[in-house]
Amino acid sequence: YSSNILYKETNIIKLKEIVKMYNCRLVIDQLNGTLPDIFHNYFTELQNIHDHDTRGRKLNIPASNTVTYGSNSITIRSIKDWNDVHNKININFHNRVTTYTFMKSLKKYLTKDY
């Protein structure tokens, strides 16, 4: 018996998806410029690094030397979560996207398989 049925019936999001949603929210808020100034350069889009056009709004993953403070950090997890889902949800990123619209679409995408 799959727990997905219970999650769907009660409209509850799994913890794994909640973490992914808020990691992506950090990214969209930074891209929209709604975070404090300290986060201004927290994420870098690939299109701002390369001389050629890149697909979508993928983010650059900075190199890290450690697992604890590198590849498992909130920054890296947020970038990986964003790069994983931003092209899969039905949003036109050429226009400014509100956090509400983004989160609503992301929730729909993440819970579609329940």
C-alpha atoms as a PDB file:
ATOM      1  CA  TYR A   1       0.000   0.000   0.000  1.00  0.00           C
ATOM      2  CA  SER A   2       1.539   3.242  -1.149  1.00  0.00           C
ATOM      3  CA  SER A   3       1.512   6.288   1.101  1.00  0.00           C
ATOM      4  CA  ASN A   4       1.136   8.449  -2.007  1.00  0.00           C
ATOM      5  CA  ILE A   5      -2.625   7.916  -1.867  1.00  0.00           C
ATOM      6  CA  LEU A   6      -2.775   9.375   1.640  1.00  0.00           C
ATOM      7  CA  TYR A   7      -0.648  12.356   0.634  1.00  0.00           C
ATOM      8  CA  LYS A   8      -2.908  13.003  -2.350  1.00  0.00           C
ATOM      9  CA  GLU A   9      -6.174  12.601  -0.417  1.00  0.00           C
ATOM     10  CA  THR A  10      -5.043  14.891   2.398  1.00  0.00           C
ATOM     11  CA  ASN A  11      -3.290  17.360   0.081  1.00  0.00           C
ATOM     12  CA  ILE A  12      -0.088  17.099   2.135  1.00  0.00           C
ATOM     13  CA  ILE A  13       3.319  17.533   0.551  1.00  0.00           C
ATOM     14  CA  LYS A  14       6.123  15.114   1.402  1.00  0.00           C
ATOM     15  CA  LEU A  15       9.076  16.524   3.332  1.00  0.00           C
ATOM     16  CA  LYS A  16      11.452  15.867   0.440  1.00  0.00           C
ATOM     17  CA  GLU A  17       9.284  17.996  -1.862  1.00  0.00           C
ATOM     18  CA  ILE A  18       8.893  20.740   0.756  1.00  0.00           C
ATOM     19  CA  VAL A  19      12.681  21.063   1.016  1.00  0.00           C
ATOM     20  CA  LYS A  20      12.983  21.164  -2.777  1.00  0.00           C
ATOM     21  CA  MET A  21      10.228  23.816  -2.975  1.00  0.00           C
ATOM     22  CA  TYR A  22      11.914  26.123  -0.491  1.00  0.00           C
ATOM     23  CA  ASN A  23      15.340  25.606  -2.048  1.00  0.00           C
ATOM     24  CA  CYS A  24      13.833  26.710  -5.351  1.00  0.00           C
ATOM     25  CA  ARG A  25      12.027  29.573  -3.644  1.00  0.00           C
ATOM     26  CA  LEU A  26      15.380  30.884  -2.440  1.00  0.00           C
ATOM     27  CA  VAL A  27      16.547  30.892  -6.065  1.00  0.00           C
ATOM     28  CA  ILE A  28      13.456  32.578  -7.557  1.00  0.00           C
ATOM     29  CA  ASP A  29      13.485  35.218  -4.834  1.00  0.00           C
ATOM     30  CA  GLN A  30      17.158  35.946  -5.532  1.00  0.00           C
ATOM     31  CA  LEU A  31      16.577  36.088  -9.298  1.00  0.00           C
ATOM     32  CA  ASN A  32      13.663  38.481  -8.700  1.00  0.00           C
ATOM     33  CA  GLY A  33      15.815  40.628  -6.393  1.00  0.00           C
ATOM     34  CA  THR A  34      13.504  40.276  -3.391  1.00  0.00           C
ATOM     35  CA  LEU A  35      16.125  38.952  -0.973  1.00  0.00           C
ATOM     36  CA  PRO A  36      18.392  41.143   1.192  1.00  0.00           C
ATOM     37  CA  ASP A  37      21.484  42.563  -0.511  1.00  0.00           C
ATOM     38  CA  ILE A  38      23.741  39.918   1.030  1.00  0.00           C
ATOM     39  CA  PHE A  39      22.143  37.377  -1.354  1.00  0.00           C
ATOM     40  CA  HIS A  40      22.546  39.577  -4.450  1.00  0.00           C
ATOM     41  CA  ASN A  41      25.242  37.382  -6.048  1.00  0.00           C
ATOM     42  CA  TYR A  42      24.306  34.134  -4.314  1.00  0.00           C
ATOM     43  CA  PHE A  43      23.483  32.355  -7.591  1.00  0.00           C
ATOM     44  CA  THR A  44      24.917  32.873 -11.078  1.00  0.00           C
ATOM     45  CA  GLU A  45      22.998  31.978 -14.206  1.00  0.00           C
ATOM     46  CA  LEU A  46      24.980  30.083 -16.851  1.00  0.00           C
ATOM     47  CA  GLN A  47      23.926  32.624 -19.467  1.00  0.00           C
ATOM     48  CA  ASN A  48      25.889  35.250 -17.516  1.00  0.00           C
ATOM     49  CA  ILE A  49      29.071  33.149 -17.656  1.00  0.00           C
ATOM     50  CA  HIS A  50      29.121  31.900 -21.257  1.00  0.00           C
ATOM     51  CA  ASP A  51      29.488  33.929 -24.438  1.00  0.00           C
ATOM     52  CA  HIS A  52      26.786  31.852 -26.153  1.00  0.00           C
ATOM     53  CA  ASP A  53      23.092  31.371 -25.459  1.00  0.00           C
ATOM     54  CA  THR A  54      22.314  28.677 -22.900  1.00  0.00           C
ATOM     55  CA  ARG A  55      19.051  26.810 -22.415  1.00  0.00           C
ATOM     56  CA  GLY A  56      16.631  28.155 -19.876  1.00  0.00           C
ATOM     57  CA  ARG A  57      17.744  29.704 -16.636  1.00  0.00           C
ATOM     58  CA  LYS A  58      20.150  27.058 -15.425  1.00  0.00           C
ATOM     59  CA  LEU A  59      22.478  28.050 -12.613  1.00  0.00           C
ATOM     60  CA  ASN A  60      26.209  27.566 -12.376  1.00  0.00           C
ATOM     61  CA  ILE A  61      27.306  25.048  -9.738  1.00  0.00           C
ATOM     62  CA  PRO A  62      30.468  26.394  -8.111  1.00  0.00           C
ATOM     63  CA  ALA A  63      33.323  23.989  -7.439  1.00  0.00           C
ATOM     64  CA  SER A  64      33.597  22.703  -3.882  1.00  0.00           C
ATOM     65  CA  ASN A  65      36.293  20.745  -2.102  1.00  0.00           C
ATOM     66  CA  THR A  66      34.223  19.257   0.705  1.00  0.00           C
ATOM     67  CA  VAL A  67      30.933  17.450   1.077  1.00  0.00           C
ATOM     68  CA  THR A  68      29.687  19.026   4.317  1.00  0.00           C
ATOM     69  CA  TYR A  69      30.385  22.640   3.417  1.00  0.00           C
ATOM     70  CA  GLY A  70      30.338  22.133  -0.333  1.00  0.00           C
ATOM     71  CA  SER A  71      28.142  19.720  -2.214  1.00  0.00           C
ATOM     72  CA  ASN A  72      25.610  19.364   0.643  1.00  0.00           C
ATOM     73  CA  SER A  73      25.375  23.091   1.392  1.00  0.00           C
ATOM     74  CA  ILE A  74      22.082  24.932   0.997  1.00  0.00           C
ATOM     75  CA  THR A  75      23.537  26.881  -1.907  1.00  0.00           C
ATOM     76  CA  ILE A  76      24.531  23.805  -3.906  1.00  0.00           C
ATOM     77  CA  ARG A  77      21.326  21.896  -3.026  1.00  0.00           C
ATOM     78  CA  SER A  78      19.255  24.905  -4.100  1.00  0.00           C
ATOM     79  CA  ILE A  79      21.111  25.146  -7.408  1.00  0.00           C
ATOM     80  CA  LYS A  80      20.721  21.416  -8.093  1.00  0.00           C
ATOM     81  CA  ASP A  81      17.014  21.481  -7.194  1.00  0.00           C
ATOM     82  CA  TRP A  82      16.459  24.560  -9.384  1.00  0.00           C
ATOM     83  CA  ASN A  83      18.339  23.066 -12.345  1.00  0.00           C
ATOM     84  CA  ASP A  84      16.323  19.876 -11.940  1.00  0.00           C
ATOM     85  CA  VAL A  85      12.848  21.450 -12.021  1.00  0.00           C
ATOM     86  CA  HIS A  86      12.847  24.928 -13.573  1.00  0.00           C
ATOM     87  CA  ASN A  87      12.403  23.689 -17.174  1.00  0.00           C
ATOM     88  CA  LYS A  88       9.830  21.061 -16.195  1.00  0.00           C
ATOM     89  CA  ILE A  89       7.211  23.410 -14.801  1.00  0.00           C
ATOM     90  CA  ASN A  90       4.936  25.346 -17.106  1.00  0.00           C
ATOM     91  CA  ILE A  91       6.166  28.915 -16.603  1.00  0.00           C
ATOM     92  CA  ASN A  92       7.526  31.475 -19.043  1.00  0.00           C
ATOM     93  CA  PHE A  93      10.688  32.748 -17.366  1.00  0.00           C
ATOM     94  CA  HIS A  94      11.228  35.447 -19.995  1.00  0.00           C
ATOM     95  CA  ASN A  95       8.851  37.579 -17.937  1.00  0.00           C
ATOM     96  CA  ARG A  96       9.261  38.226 -14.228  1.00  0.00           C
ATOM     97  CA  VAL A  97       7.562  35.406 -12.318  1.00  0.00           C
ATOM     98  CA  THR A  98       6.070  36.054  -8.898  1.00  0.00           C
ATOM     99  CA  THR A  99       7.043  33.782  -6.049  1.00  0.00           C
ATOM    100  CA  TYR A 100       3.389  32.802  -5.581  1.00  0.00           C
ATOM    101  CA  THR A 101       2.962  31.761  -9.232  1.00  0.00           C
ATOM    102  CA  PHE A 102       6.247  29.873  -9.208  1.00  0.00           C
ATOM    103  CA  MET A 103       5.515  28.013  -5.959  1.00  0.00           C
ATOM    104  CA  LYS A 104       2.003  27.088  -7.113  1.00  0.00           C
ATOM    105  CA  SER A 105       3.343  25.628 -10.376  1.00  0.00           C
ATOM    106  CA  LEU A 106       6.202  23.892  -8.594  1.00  0.00           C
ATOM    107  CA  LYS A 107       3.865  22.278  -6.059  1.00  0.00           C
ATOM    108  CA  LYS A 108       1.649  21.025  -8.870  1.00  0.00           C
ATOM    109  CA  TYR A 109       4.671  19.547 -10.657  1.00  0.00           C
ATOM    110  CA  LEU A 110       6.168  17.910  -7.550  1.00  0.00           C
ATOM    111  CA  THR A 111       2.882  16.323  -6.434  1.00  0.00           C
ATOM    112  CA  LYS A 112       1.681  15.111  -9.850  1.00  0.00           C
ATOM    113  CA  ASP A 113       2.913  11.569  -9.195  1.00  0.00           C
ATOM    114  CA  TYR A 114       1.144  11.122  -5.849  1.00  0.00           C
END
